[in-house]
Each structure stands twice: as C-alpha cells, then as structure tokens.
Amino acid sequence: MRPEFLLDNQLCFRLYTASRLVTQVYTPVLSQHGLTYPQYLVLLVLWEKDAQPVNDIAKRLFLETNTVTPLLQRMEKQGILTRKRGEKDARQMIVTLTEKGKDLQDVLLEVPHKVASAVVCKSVNPETVPDLFEKLDGLIEKLSCGAEAPKE
C-alpha cells in the first residue's frame, strides 16, 4: 500500500470527520425546533441581512443554488421564510424571514453556546479558537479560488 493512499494520511478525511462530528453536536438541539443544520445556516445568513436573493445566500454558504433552493422550499413550507420574485429583476427570487423565522433567533439563542461548550469541552482550548478560525478561514479562502470567504 502506498502511504499517500492511507486513510490516516488524508487531510480531506480529517476535515470531513471534524465537520460531521461538529454537526452531530447541533442535531439534537436543532431537531427540538424542527430544524436541520443546513436550515440553521440559512437562518444565520438571513439574520445577518434579511431579504436576500437566493444567489447571495448560496454564495455566502459556498453552495450551488440548486442545493439551496430545495432547502428554502422546505423552510417556506414550515412558515420560516417566504420567497418572492424580485421587484427590480423578476428572474431573482428574494428570500425574506417571516415573523416565525425572526422569532427563532431568540428561541435558538442557546445553540451557539451549547455547541461552543461541547466543542471546547471536548477538544478545543478556548484560547486557541481565534487561531483555529484564522487557519480555517485561510484554508476556505484558498480553496474557494478567490470567492469571498466568510468574515467573523
């Protein structure tokens, strides 16, 4: 076996596993409110700035619009957001939070704290979190080939 093909030598596997395990921390907290992790990410984007085109949401999440659209459709059925054609450009679909979607920010206030506590308690020294963010942001920026990386 060539060492470059050993699973333990794969950066991608470590990133995938870390992502999956962190997402597992979110699942029980979010499922109590009928939400999935990807839906939570959409909420975070819309809480930062409401009434955004689908394309902007997809770009912010580093996803394709055909991945985001079904997610938004499910959230619309849950009464969390609405999707309407843009007034200036009818080709654009504008996504806006409903009152229920806005109220979820207060309901989910404990989520970042619970997840941070679980991750820090299990694996990360609180003093190293800013360094970890910086390294991950740098990696994301380089891998996205110049696409706008998320800012804290």
Protein backbone atom coordinates (compact mmCIF):
# COMPACT_ATOMS: atom_id res chain seq x y z
CA MET A 1 0.00 0.00 0.00
CA ARG A 2 1.30 3.42 -0.95
CA PRO A 3 1.38 5.83 2.03
CA GLU A 4 -0.38 8.60 0.09
CA PHE A 5 -3.46 6.36 -0.10
CA LEU A 6 -3.68 5.53 3.59
CA LEU A 7 -6.82 6.97 5.15
CA ASP A 8 -4.82 8.27 8.10
CA ASN A 9 -2.73 10.37 5.71
CA GLN A 10 -5.71 12.20 4.19
CA LEU A 11 -6.39 15.82 5.15
CA CYS A 12 -9.81 15.59 3.49
CA PHE A 13 -10.83 12.75 5.80
CA ARG A 14 -9.89 14.73 8.89
CA LEU A 15 -11.83 17.77 7.70
CA TYR A 16 -14.85 15.65 6.76
CA THR A 17 -14.83 13.82 10.09
CA ALA A 18 -14.44 17.01 12.14
CA SER A 19 -17.28 18.64 10.22
CA ARG A 20 -19.55 15.63 10.65
CA LEU A 21 -18.84 15.37 14.39
CA VAL A 22 -19.46 19.08 14.99
CA THR A 23 -22.70 18.85 13.00
CA GLN A 24 -23.74 15.95 15.27
CA VAL A 25 -23.49 18.32 18.23
CA TYR A 26 -26.01 20.67 16.56
CA THR A 27 -28.50 17.97 15.59
CA PRO A 28 -30.23 17.26 18.93
CA VAL A 29 -30.53 20.95 19.80
CA LEU A 30 -31.89 21.97 16.39
CA SER A 31 -34.18 18.96 15.96
CA GLN A 32 -36.10 20.06 19.08
CA HIS A 33 -37.18 23.03 16.94
CA GLY A 34 -37.78 21.05 13.73
CA LEU A 35 -34.63 22.34 12.07
CA THR A 36 -31.66 20.78 10.33
CA TYR A 37 -28.12 22.11 10.41
CA PRO A 38 -28.28 23.44 6.81
CA GLN A 39 -31.53 25.25 7.68
CA TYR A 40 -29.79 26.79 10.69
CA LEU A 41 -27.04 28.07 8.38
CA VAL A 42 -29.66 29.71 6.15
CA LEU A 43 -31.18 31.34 9.23
CA LEU A 44 -27.78 32.69 10.26
CA VAL A 45 -27.35 34.28 6.83
CA LEU A 46 -30.83 35.83 6.91
CA TRP A 47 -30.47 37.05 10.50
CA GLU A 48 -27.37 38.95 9.39
CA LYS A 49 -29.26 40.51 6.48
CA ASP A 50 -32.88 39.77 5.65
CA ALA A 51 -34.48 39.88 2.17
CA GLN A 52 -31.66 38.43 0.09
CA PRO A 53 -31.63 36.84 -3.36
CA VAL A 54 -31.21 33.06 -3.42
CA ASN A 55 -27.90 33.54 -5.27
CA ASP A 56 -26.48 35.65 -2.45
CA ILE A 57 -27.49 33.09 0.17
CA ALA A 58 -25.91 30.30 -1.87
CA LYS A 59 -22.68 32.28 -2.32
CA ARG A 60 -22.47 33.07 1.40
CA LEU A 61 -22.83 29.36 2.22
CA PHE A 62 -20.43 28.29 -0.57
CA LEU A 63 -23.23 26.21 -2.12
CA GLU A 64 -24.88 25.99 -5.52
CA THR A 65 -28.35 27.49 -5.93
CA ASN A 66 -29.74 24.09 -6.90
CA THR A 67 -28.67 22.85 -3.46
CA VAL A 68 -30.11 25.83 -1.60
CA THR A 69 -33.46 26.02 -3.43
CA PRO A 70 -34.99 22.77 -2.07
CA LEU A 71 -33.80 23.75 1.40
CA LEU A 72 -35.55 27.12 1.09
CA GLN A 73 -38.70 25.45 -0.23
CA ARG A 74 -38.89 23.23 2.87
CA MET A 75 -38.32 26.23 5.13
CA GLU A 76 -41.08 28.10 3.33
CA LYS A 77 -43.47 25.18 3.96
CA GLN A 78 -42.51 25.39 7.65
CA GLY A 79 -43.50 29.06 7.66
CA ILE A 80 -39.96 30.25 8.43
CA LEU A 81 -39.44 32.33 5.29
CA THR A 82 -41.07 33.48 2.08
CA ARG A 83 -39.74 33.51 -1.45
CA LYS A 84 -40.95 36.14 -3.91
CA ARG A 85 -39.85 37.36 -7.31
CA GLY A 86 -37.71 40.48 -7.18
CA GLU A 87 -39.36 43.79 -7.99
CA LYS A 88 -36.38 45.09 -9.98
CA ASP A 89 -35.48 41.77 -11.59
CA ALA A 90 -38.22 39.14 -11.86
CA ARG A 91 -35.56 36.49 -12.51
CA GLN A 92 -34.35 36.88 -8.92
CA MET A 93 -36.05 35.08 -6.07
CA ILE A 94 -35.88 37.16 -2.87
CA VAL A 95 -35.92 35.27 0.42
CA THR A 96 -37.36 37.02 3.47
CA LEU A 97 -37.86 35.80 7.01
CA THR A 98 -41.37 35.56 8.39
CA GLU A 99 -42.11 36.59 11.97
CA LYS A 100 -41.66 32.92 12.90
CA GLY A 101 -38.22 32.95 11.25
CA LYS A 102 -37.24 36.15 13.04
CA ASP A 103 -38.51 34.81 16.38
CA LEU A 104 -36.34 31.70 16.01
CA GLN A 105 -33.31 33.87 16.74
CA ASP A 106 -34.50 34.27 20.35
CA VAL A 107 -35.63 30.64 20.55
CA LEU A 108 -32.25 29.36 19.34
CA LEU A 109 -30.17 31.70 21.44
CA GLU A 110 -28.69 28.78 23.39
CA VAL A 111 -27.47 26.93 20.27
CA PRO A 112 -24.10 28.71 19.75
CA HIS A 113 -23.35 28.47 23.48
CA LYS A 114 -24.24 24.78 23.73
CA VAL A 115 -22.21 23.90 20.65
CA ALA A 116 -19.23 26.02 21.71
CA SER A 117 -19.31 24.43 25.15
CA ALA A 118 -19.45 20.93 23.71
CA VAL A 119 -16.65 21.52 21.21
CA VAL A 120 -14.40 23.45 23.61
CA CYS A 121 -15.03 21.00 26.42
CA LYS A 122 -14.25 18.00 24.24
CA SER A 123 -11.46 19.17 22.00
CA VAL A 124 -10.50 22.82 21.70
CA ASN A 125 -8.73 25.09 24.13
CA PRO A 126 -10.76 28.37 24.26
CA GLU A 127 -7.59 30.42 23.81
CA THR A 128 -6.84 28.69 20.50
CA VAL A 129 -10.29 29.26 18.94
CA PRO A 130 -9.32 32.55 17.20
CA ASP A 131 -6.22 30.85 15.74
CA LEU A 132 -8.35 27.92 14.56
CA PHE A 133 -10.84 30.34 12.91
CA GLU A 134 -7.98 32.16 11.19
CA LYS A 135 -6.47 28.94 9.84
CA LEU A 136 -9.82 27.60 8.66
CA ASP A 137 -10.74 30.93 7.04
CA GLY A 138 -7.39 30.92 5.23
CA LEU A 139 -7.96 27.39 4.02
CA ILE A 140 -11.50 28.23 2.86
CA GLU A 141 -10.27 31.34 1.05
CA LYS A 142 -7.54 29.43 -0.77
CA LEU A 143 -9.80 26.51 -1.68
CA SER A 144 -12.57 28.76 -2.93
CA CYS A 145 -10.16 30.23 -5.51
CA GLY A 146 -10.82 33.86 -4.76
CA ALA A 147 -14.50 33.56 -3.89
CA GLU A 148 -15.45 35.75 -0.97
CA ALA A 149 -14.61 33.92 2.27
CA PRO A 150 -16.82 34.33 5.32
CA LYS A 151 -15.81 37.04 7.76
CA GLU A 152 -16.33 36.89 11.51
